[in-house]
Amino acid sequence: MRIFSSIAALALLAFAAPAHAQQSVMRETDITDLRLGQRVLVDDGSCPAGQIKEIQGSQMTTAGVVATRKCVPRLGPKRR
């Protein structure tokens, strides 16, 4: 019974981890398919120092997903 519960816990973690992953791109045009609730960080230099642009799929319409854009604090060092 104990082995089964630990296997179930590992399986749950494996499926839950990708749901919270954020993607980072250099340009907004690199975003090809934005899903509802998905957040993408865009490092295009349009936000003030110490911040990065976050694009989020915020609303579903008949034409597709509407994206909202805002500058959020950059967490951690800048990656290249």
C-alpha atoms as a PDB file:
ATOM      1  CA  MET A   1       0.000   0.000   0.000  1.00  0.00           C
ATOM      2  CA  ARG A   2       2.844   2.365   0.854  1.00  0.00           C
ATOM      3  CA  ILE A   3       4.528   1.796  -2.518  1.00  0.00           C
ATOM      4  CA  PHE A   4       1.289   2.534  -4.355  1.00  0.00           C
ATOM      5  CA  SER A   5       0.814   5.862  -2.535  1.00  0.00           C
ATOM      6  CA  SER A   6       4.371   6.994  -3.295  1.00  0.00           C
ATOM      7  CA  ILE A   7       3.989   6.054  -6.981  1.00  0.00           C
ATOM      8  CA  ALA A   8       0.696   7.965  -7.104  1.00  0.00           C
ATOM      9  CA  ALA A   9       2.361  11.005  -5.497  1.00  0.00           C
ATOM     10  CA  LEU A  10       5.205  10.947  -8.059  1.00  0.00           C
ATOM     11  CA  ALA A  11       2.722  10.673 -10.917  1.00  0.00           C
ATOM     12  CA  LEU A  12       0.760  13.622  -9.562  1.00  0.00           C
ATOM     13  CA  LEU A  13       3.918  15.743  -9.345  1.00  0.00           C
ATOM     14  CA  ALA A  14       4.917  14.815 -12.892  1.00  0.00           C
ATOM     15  CA  PHE A  15       1.583  16.020 -14.266  1.00  0.00           C
ATOM     16  CA  ALA A  16       1.337  19.137 -12.081  1.00  0.00           C
ATOM     17  CA  ALA A  17       4.805  20.567 -12.807  1.00  0.00           C
ATOM     18  CA  PRO A  18       4.266  21.580 -16.470  1.00  0.00           C
ATOM     19  CA  ALA A  19       1.071  23.464 -15.607  1.00  0.00           C
ATOM     20  CA  HIS A  20       3.011  26.132 -13.696  1.00  0.00           C
ATOM     21  CA  ALA A  21       5.888  26.561 -16.129  1.00  0.00           C
ATOM     22  CA  GLN A  22       6.390  29.995 -17.672  1.00  0.00           C
ATOM     23  CA  GLN A  23       7.894  30.533 -21.061  1.00  0.00           C
ATOM     24  CA  SER A  24      10.314  33.344 -21.836  1.00  0.00           C
ATOM     25  CA  VAL A  25      10.854  34.796 -25.321  1.00  0.00           C
ATOM     26  CA  MET A  26      12.689  37.793 -26.772  1.00  0.00           C
ATOM     27  CA  ARG A  27       9.855  39.204 -28.959  1.00  0.00           C
ATOM     28  CA  GLU A  28       6.063  39.155 -28.872  1.00  0.00           C
ATOM     29  CA  THR A  29       6.051  37.800 -32.426  1.00  0.00           C
ATOM     30  CA  ASP A  30       7.736  34.627 -31.100  1.00  0.00           C
ATOM     31  CA  ILE A  31       4.479  33.736 -29.306  1.00  0.00           C
ATOM     32  CA  THR A  32       2.641  31.455 -31.700  1.00  0.00           C
ATOM     33  CA  ASP A  33      -0.226  29.921 -29.724  1.00  0.00           C
ATOM     34  CA  LEU A  34      -1.321  31.668 -26.525  1.00  0.00           C
ATOM     35  CA  ARG A  35      -3.777  29.648 -24.425  1.00  0.00           C
ATOM     36  CA  LEU A  36      -6.268  30.882 -21.869  1.00  0.00           C
ATOM     37  CA  GLY A  37      -4.450  31.484 -18.561  1.00  0.00           C
ATOM     38  CA  GLN A  38      -0.987  30.991 -20.070  1.00  0.00           C
ATOM     39  CA  ARG A  39       1.672  33.547 -19.091  1.00  0.00           C
ATOM     40  CA  VAL A  40       4.650  34.362 -21.288  1.00  0.00           C
ATOM     41  CA  LEU A  41       7.522  36.632 -20.271  1.00  0.00           C
ATOM     42  CA  VAL A  42       8.842  38.847 -23.087  1.00  0.00           C
ATOM     43  CA  ASP A  43      12.265  40.445 -22.685  1.00  0.00           C
ATOM     44  CA  ASP A  44      12.068  43.099 -25.409  1.00  0.00           C
ATOM     45  CA  GLY A  45      13.353  46.071 -23.378  1.00  0.00           C
ATOM     46  CA  SER A  46      10.015  47.921 -23.358  1.00  0.00           C
ATOM     47  CA  CYS A  47       9.617  47.802 -19.544  1.00  0.00           C
ATOM     48  CA  PRO A  48      11.601  49.851 -16.993  1.00  0.00           C
ATOM     49  CA  ALA A  49      14.785  48.490 -15.412  1.00  0.00           C
ATOM     50  CA  GLY A  50      14.132  45.562 -13.086  1.00  0.00           C
ATOM     51  CA  GLN A  51      10.865  44.625 -14.815  1.00  0.00           C
ATOM     52  CA  ILE A  52       9.850  42.332 -17.662  1.00  0.00           C
ATOM     53  CA  LYS A  53       6.728  42.279 -19.855  1.00  0.00           C
ATOM     54  CA  GLU A  54       4.190  39.573 -19.034  1.00  0.00           C
ATOM     55  CA  ILE A  55       1.622  38.587 -21.651  1.00  0.00           C
ATOM     56  CA  GLN A  56      -1.310  36.552 -20.388  1.00  0.00           C
ATOM     57  CA  GLY A  57      -4.164  34.868 -22.236  1.00  0.00           C
ATOM     58  CA  SER A  58      -6.930  36.514 -20.245  1.00  0.00           C
ATOM     59  CA  GLN A  59     -10.253  36.135 -22.053  1.00  0.00           C
ATOM     60  CA  MET A  60     -11.771  33.710 -24.549  1.00  0.00           C
ATOM     61  CA  THR A  61     -13.744  35.276 -27.402  1.00  0.00           C
ATOM     62  CA  THR A  62     -15.170  33.922 -30.634  1.00  0.00           C
ATOM     63  CA  ALA A  63     -12.071  35.256 -32.415  1.00  0.00           C
ATOM     64  CA  GLY A  64      -9.687  33.485 -30.008  1.00  0.00           C
ATOM     65  CA  VAL A  65      -7.793  34.312 -26.829  1.00  0.00           C
ATOM     66  CA  VAL A  66      -7.385  37.990 -25.882  1.00  0.00           C
ATOM     67  CA  ALA A  67      -3.937  38.829 -24.510  1.00  0.00           C
ATOM     68  CA  THR A  68      -3.211  41.376 -21.792  1.00  0.00           C
ATOM     69  CA  ARG A  69       0.216  42.968 -21.340  1.00  0.00           C
ATOM     70  CA  LYS A  70       1.802  44.403 -18.208  1.00  0.00           C
ATOM     71  CA  CYS A  71       5.241  44.990 -16.716  1.00  0.00           C
ATOM     72  CA  VAL A  72       6.023  42.785 -13.706  1.00  0.00           C
ATOM     73  CA  PRO A  73       9.085  42.636 -11.416  1.00  0.00           C
ATOM     74  CA  ARG A  74      11.908  40.551 -12.822  1.00  0.00           C
ATOM     75  CA  LEU A  75      12.693  37.631 -10.517  1.00  0.00           C
ATOM     76  CA  GLY A  76      16.289  36.463 -10.552  1.00  0.00           C
ATOM     77  CA  PRO A  77      19.166  37.419 -12.845  1.00  0.00           C
ATOM     78  CA  LYS A  78      18.657  38.252 -16.517  1.00  0.00           C
ATOM     79  CA  ARG A  79      19.189  35.214 -18.764  1.00  0.00           C
ATOM     80  CA  ARG A  80      20.730  35.271 -22.212  1.00  0.00           C
END
